[in-house]
N, C-alpha and C. Protein backbone atom coordinates (compact mmCIF):
# COMPACT_ATOMS: atom_id res chain seq x y z
N MET A 1 -15.39 -24.56 -22.78
CA MET A 1 -14.79 -25.33 -22.49
C MET A 1 -14.96 -26.95 -22.38
N ALA A 2 -16.89 -27.58 -22.23
CA ALA A 2 -17.41 -28.24 -22.28
C ALA A 2 -17.18 -28.91 -23.26
N SER A 3 -16.97 -28.63 -24.31
CA SER A 3 -16.46 -29.38 -25.71
C SER A 3 -15.16 -29.82 -25.90
N HIS A 4 -14.20 -29.55 -25.41
CA HIS A 4 -13.33 -29.89 -24.90
C HIS A 4 -12.87 -31.62 -24.29
N GLY A 5 -11.76 -32.45 -24.82
CA GLY A 5 -12.30 -33.82 -24.62
C GLY A 5 -10.81 -33.93 -23.54
N ILE A 6 -10.75 -34.76 -22.65
CA ILE A 6 -10.11 -34.66 -21.55
C ILE A 6 -8.33 -34.09 -21.50
N ILE A 7 -7.94 -34.70 -22.70
CA ILE A 7 -6.41 -34.41 -23.08
C ILE A 7 -6.26 -33.05 -23.35
N VAL A 8 -7.41 -32.65 -24.80
CA VAL A 8 -7.26 -31.11 -24.43
C VAL A 8 -7.74 -30.15 -23.40
N TRP A 9 -8.28 -31.16 -22.56
CA TRP A 9 -8.15 -29.86 -21.15
C TRP A 9 -6.85 -29.38 -20.29
N LEU A 10 -6.14 -31.22 -20.64
CA LEU A 10 -4.88 -30.84 -19.97
C LEU A 10 -3.78 -30.08 -20.13
N ILE A 11 -4.03 -29.92 -21.98
CA ILE A 11 -3.10 -29.17 -22.27
C ILE A 11 -3.26 -27.61 -22.21
N ILE A 12 -4.68 -27.59 -22.09
CA ILE A 12 -5.24 -26.36 -22.06
C ILE A 12 -5.03 -25.66 -20.48
N GLY A 13 -5.00 -26.64 -19.41
CA GLY A 13 -4.31 -26.21 -18.37
C GLY A 13 -3.03 -25.77 -17.70
N ALA A 14 -2.33 -26.84 -18.57
CA ALA A 14 -1.00 -26.99 -18.31
C ALA A 14 -0.66 -25.21 -19.22
N VAL A 15 -0.21 -25.27 -20.03
CA VAL A 15 -0.25 -24.15 -20.77
C VAL A 15 -0.85 -22.39 -20.21
N ALA A 16 -2.27 -22.96 -19.63
CA ALA A 16 -3.13 -21.51 -18.63
C ALA A 16 -1.96 -21.60 -17.12
N GLY A 17 -1.67 -22.25 -16.74
CA GLY A 17 -1.18 -22.75 -15.53
C GLY A 17 0.32 -22.06 -15.71
N TRP A 18 0.78 -22.33 -16.63
CA TRP A 18 2.53 -22.09 -17.16
C TRP A 18 2.42 -20.39 -17.39
N LEU A 19 1.86 -20.32 -18.14
CA LEU A 19 1.26 -18.79 -18.73
C LEU A 19 0.62 -17.81 -17.35
N ALA A 20 0.07 -18.14 -16.33
CA ALA A 20 -0.55 -17.54 -15.22
C ALA A 20 0.87 -17.46 -14.30
N GLY A 21 2.06 -18.45 -14.20
CA GLY A 21 2.79 -18.56 -13.20
C GLY A 21 4.14 -17.40 -13.85
N LEU A 22 3.89 -17.07 -15.41
CA LEU A 22 4.87 -15.96 -15.59
C LEU A 22 4.41 -15.16 -15.28
N LEU A 23 2.66 -14.65 -15.51
CA LEU A 23 2.33 -12.93 -15.54
C LEU A 23 2.32 -12.66 -14.12
N VAL A 24 2.05 -14.14 -13.13
CA VAL A 24 2.07 -13.50 -11.72
C VAL A 24 2.92 -13.73 -11.21
N LYS A 25 4.13 -12.66 -10.37
CA LYS A 25 5.54 -12.99 -9.79
C LYS A 25 5.64 -14.40 -9.31
N GLY A 26 6.50 -14.70 -10.15
CA GLY A 26 7.16 -16.44 -9.91
C GLY A 26 7.11 -16.82 -10.87
N GLY A 27 7.64 -17.92 -10.95
CA GLY A 27 7.79 -19.09 -12.05
C GLY A 27 6.69 -20.07 -12.21
N GLY A 28 5.71 -20.39 -11.49
CA GLY A 28 5.07 -21.99 -11.38
C GLY A 28 5.42 -22.40 -10.44
N PHE A 29 4.36 -24.14 -10.13
CA PHE A 29 4.98 -25.18 -9.27
C PHE A 29 5.21 -25.94 -9.34
N GLY A 30 5.32 -26.23 -10.83
CA GLY A 30 5.78 -27.30 -11.77
C GLY A 30 4.42 -27.76 -12.70
N LEU A 31 4.88 -28.62 -13.34
CA LEU A 31 3.81 -29.29 -14.46
C LEU A 31 2.31 -29.60 -13.95
N ILE A 32 2.41 -30.81 -12.93
CA ILE A 32 1.20 -30.97 -12.56
C ILE A 32 0.36 -29.81 -11.64
N VAL A 33 0.67 -29.66 -10.65
CA VAL A 33 -0.24 -28.18 -10.01
C VAL A 33 -0.18 -26.85 -11.07
N ASP A 34 0.62 -26.83 -12.40
CA ASP A 34 0.40 -25.94 -13.07
C ASP A 34 -0.99 -26.17 -14.13
N ILE A 35 -0.84 -27.69 -14.44
CA ILE A 35 -2.11 -28.08 -15.08
C ILE A 35 -3.46 -28.06 -14.33
N ILE A 36 -3.37 -28.28 -12.67
CA ILE A 36 -4.55 -28.23 -11.61
C ILE A 36 -4.77 -26.90 -11.54
N VAL A 37 -3.87 -25.89 -11.70
CA VAL A 37 -4.14 -24.58 -11.50
C VAL A 37 -5.07 -23.70 -12.87
N GLY A 38 -4.50 -24.22 -14.23
CA GLY A 38 -5.06 -23.73 -15.37
C GLY A 38 -6.32 -24.27 -15.32
N ILE A 39 -6.80 -25.65 -15.20
CA ILE A 39 -7.96 -25.68 -14.71
C ILE A 39 -9.07 -25.53 -14.10
N VAL A 40 -8.10 -25.05 -12.78
CA VAL A 40 -9.44 -24.33 -12.02
C VAL A 40 -9.90 -23.08 -12.31
N GLY A 41 -8.48 -22.46 -13.04
CA GLY A 41 -8.40 -21.33 -13.54
C GLY A 41 -9.40 -20.91 -14.34
N ALA A 42 -9.51 -22.49 -15.74
CA ALA A 42 -10.65 -22.32 -16.38
C ALA A 42 -11.95 -22.28 -15.78
N PHE A 43 -12.47 -22.95 -14.96
CA PHE A 43 -13.58 -22.25 -14.40
C PHE A 43 -14.22 -21.25 -13.71
N ILE A 44 -12.97 -20.83 -12.78
CA ILE A 44 -13.15 -19.37 -12.85
C ILE A 44 -13.02 -18.32 -13.90
N GLY A 45 -12.14 -18.53 -14.81
CA GLY A 45 -12.36 -17.50 -15.92
C GLY A 45 -13.77 -17.73 -16.60
N GLY A 46 -14.52 -19.12 -16.46
CA GLY A 46 -15.71 -19.01 -17.70
C GLY A 46 -16.96 -18.64 -16.52
N TRP A 47 -16.27 -19.19 -15.63
CA TRP A 47 -17.66 -18.05 -14.74
C TRP A 47 -17.47 -16.87 -14.45
N LEU A 48 -16.36 -16.38 -14.29
CA LEU A 48 -16.23 -15.00 -14.32
C LEU A 48 -16.77 -13.94 -15.22
N ALA A 49 -16.42 -14.85 -16.93
CA ALA A 49 -17.15 -14.43 -18.07
C ALA A 49 -18.27 -13.93 -18.43
N GLY A 50 -19.09 -14.95 -17.51
CA GLY A 50 -20.78 -15.60 -17.77
C GLY A 50 -21.07 -14.14 -16.87
N VAL A 51 -20.70 -14.17 -15.58
CA VAL A 51 -21.22 -13.18 -14.84
C VAL A 51 -21.16 -11.85 -15.48
N LEU A 52 -19.71 -11.91 -16.18
CA LEU A 52 -19.38 -10.39 -16.37
C LEU A 52 -20.40 -10.09 -17.99
N GLY A 53 -20.87 -11.08 -18.70
CA GLY A 53 -21.31 -10.91 -20.29
C GLY A 53 -20.27 -11.06 -20.87
N ILE A 54 -19.23 -11.39 -20.99
CA ILE A 54 -18.09 -11.30 -22.05
C ILE A 54 -17.75 -12.39 -22.17
N ASN A 55 -17.57 -12.36 -23.62
CA ASN A 55 -17.54 -13.68 -24.47
C ASN A 55 -16.24 -13.33 -25.87
N LEU A 56 -15.65 -14.37 -25.17
CA LEU A 56 -14.17 -14.20 -26.02
C LEU A 56 -14.14 -15.04 -26.90
N GLY A 57 -15.71 -15.81 -27.52
CA GLY A 57 -15.59 -16.54 -29.00
C GLY A 57 -14.97 -18.00 -28.20
N GLY A 58 -14.58 -18.88 -29.51
CA GLY A 58 -15.05 -20.46 -28.85
C GLY A 58 -13.53 -20.92 -29.79
N GLY A 59 -13.37 -22.02 -29.36
CA GLY A 59 -12.06 -22.36 -29.76
C GLY A 59 -10.65 -22.42 -28.82
N LEU A 60 -9.70 -22.88 -28.99
CA LEU A 60 -8.87 -23.29 -28.22
C LEU A 60 -8.21 -22.38 -27.72
N LEU A 61 -7.57 -21.27 -28.86
CA LEU A 61 -7.53 -19.77 -28.21
C LEU A 61 -7.76 -19.05 -27.39
N SER A 62 -9.29 -18.97 -27.83
CA SER A 62 -10.30 -18.44 -26.47
C SER A 62 -10.22 -19.18 -24.73
N SER A 63 -10.37 -20.25 -25.17
CA SER A 63 -10.02 -21.20 -24.07
C SER A 63 -9.11 -20.92 -22.66
N ILE A 64 -7.80 -20.89 -23.77
CA ILE A 64 -6.58 -20.70 -23.11
C ILE A 64 -6.35 -19.47 -22.68
N ALA A 65 -6.84 -18.34 -23.57
CA ALA A 65 -7.20 -17.09 -22.77
C ALA A 65 -8.17 -17.19 -21.28
N THR A 66 -9.24 -17.95 -21.71
CA THR A 66 -10.18 -17.75 -20.33
C THR A 66 -9.44 -18.42 -18.99
N ALA A 67 -8.71 -19.16 -19.39
CA ALA A 67 -8.07 -20.03 -18.39
C ALA A 67 -6.97 -19.20 -17.47
N THR A 68 -6.46 -18.80 -18.83
CA THR A 68 -5.38 -17.91 -18.13
C THR A 68 -5.57 -17.24 -17.18
N LEU A 69 -6.73 -16.49 -17.75
CA LEU A 69 -7.12 -15.10 -16.96
C LEU A 69 -7.51 -15.47 -15.64
N GLY A 70 -8.51 -16.90 -15.71
CA GLY A 70 -9.15 -17.16 -14.38
C GLY A 70 -7.55 -17.66 -13.31
N ALA A 71 -6.67 -18.60 -13.54
CA ALA A 71 -5.51 -18.80 -13.32
C ALA A 71 -4.87 -17.96 -13.00
N VAL A 72 -4.60 -16.43 -13.70
CA VAL A 72 -3.83 -15.54 -12.78
C VAL A 72 -4.74 -14.77 -11.98
N ILE A 73 -6.18 -15.05 -11.62
CA ILE A 73 -7.00 -14.57 -10.65
C ILE A 73 -6.84 -15.53 -9.59
N LEU A 74 -6.78 -16.79 -9.73
CA LEU A 74 -6.43 -18.01 -8.65
C LEU A 74 -4.81 -17.54 -8.17
N LEU A 75 -4.19 -17.54 -8.84
CA LEU A 75 -2.57 -17.24 -7.98
C LEU A 75 -2.43 -16.31 -7.43
N PHE A 76 -3.08 -14.99 -7.83
CA PHE A 76 -3.01 -13.75 -7.31
C PHE A 76 -3.63 -13.53 -5.87
N ILE A 77 -4.92 -14.70 -5.62
CA ILE A 77 -5.51 -14.62 -3.98
C ILE A 77 -5.07 -15.89 -3.59
N LEU A 78 -4.19 -16.90 -4.00
CA LEU A 78 -3.57 -17.51 -3.35
C LEU A 78 -2.05 -17.28 -2.83
N ARG A 79 -1.52 -16.60 -3.99
CA ARG A 79 -0.31 -15.45 -3.28
C ARG A 79 -0.52 -14.46 -2.00
N LEU A 80 -1.72 -14.24 -1.84
CA LEU A 80 -2.61 -12.92 -1.06
C LEU A 80 -2.39 -13.94 0.18
N PHE A 81 -2.88 -14.71 0.08
CA PHE A 81 -3.33 -15.87 1.05
C PHE A 81 -2.09 -16.40 2.15
N LYS A 82 -0.90 -16.95 1.12
CA LYS A 82 1.01 -17.35 1.29
C LYS A 82 1.12 -15.99 1.93
N ARG A 83 1.39 -14.91 1.66
CA ARG A 83 1.63 -14.20 2.41
C ARG A 83 1.30 -13.57 3.64
N ALA A 84 0.04 -14.00 3.91
CA ALA A 84 -0.65 -13.85 5.27
C ALA A 84 -0.35 -14.90 6.17
């Protein structure tokens, strides 16, 4: 993700946040929060992939997949705390 510009980060964040909102029970939180969740999810997904030694390859689609995976994990954790 480090090679992408800020506009691409926002697009990846928006797409990943929206996809994560669809995959995790619920419909997302709106564009701005979806972007934030997607960008934070990208960091979580990238860190987790590095720790586990998983390489999804390079490019836009792999960045979206990594960010979506991280965003799903983030939303799952957030919704666990929201229920408690």
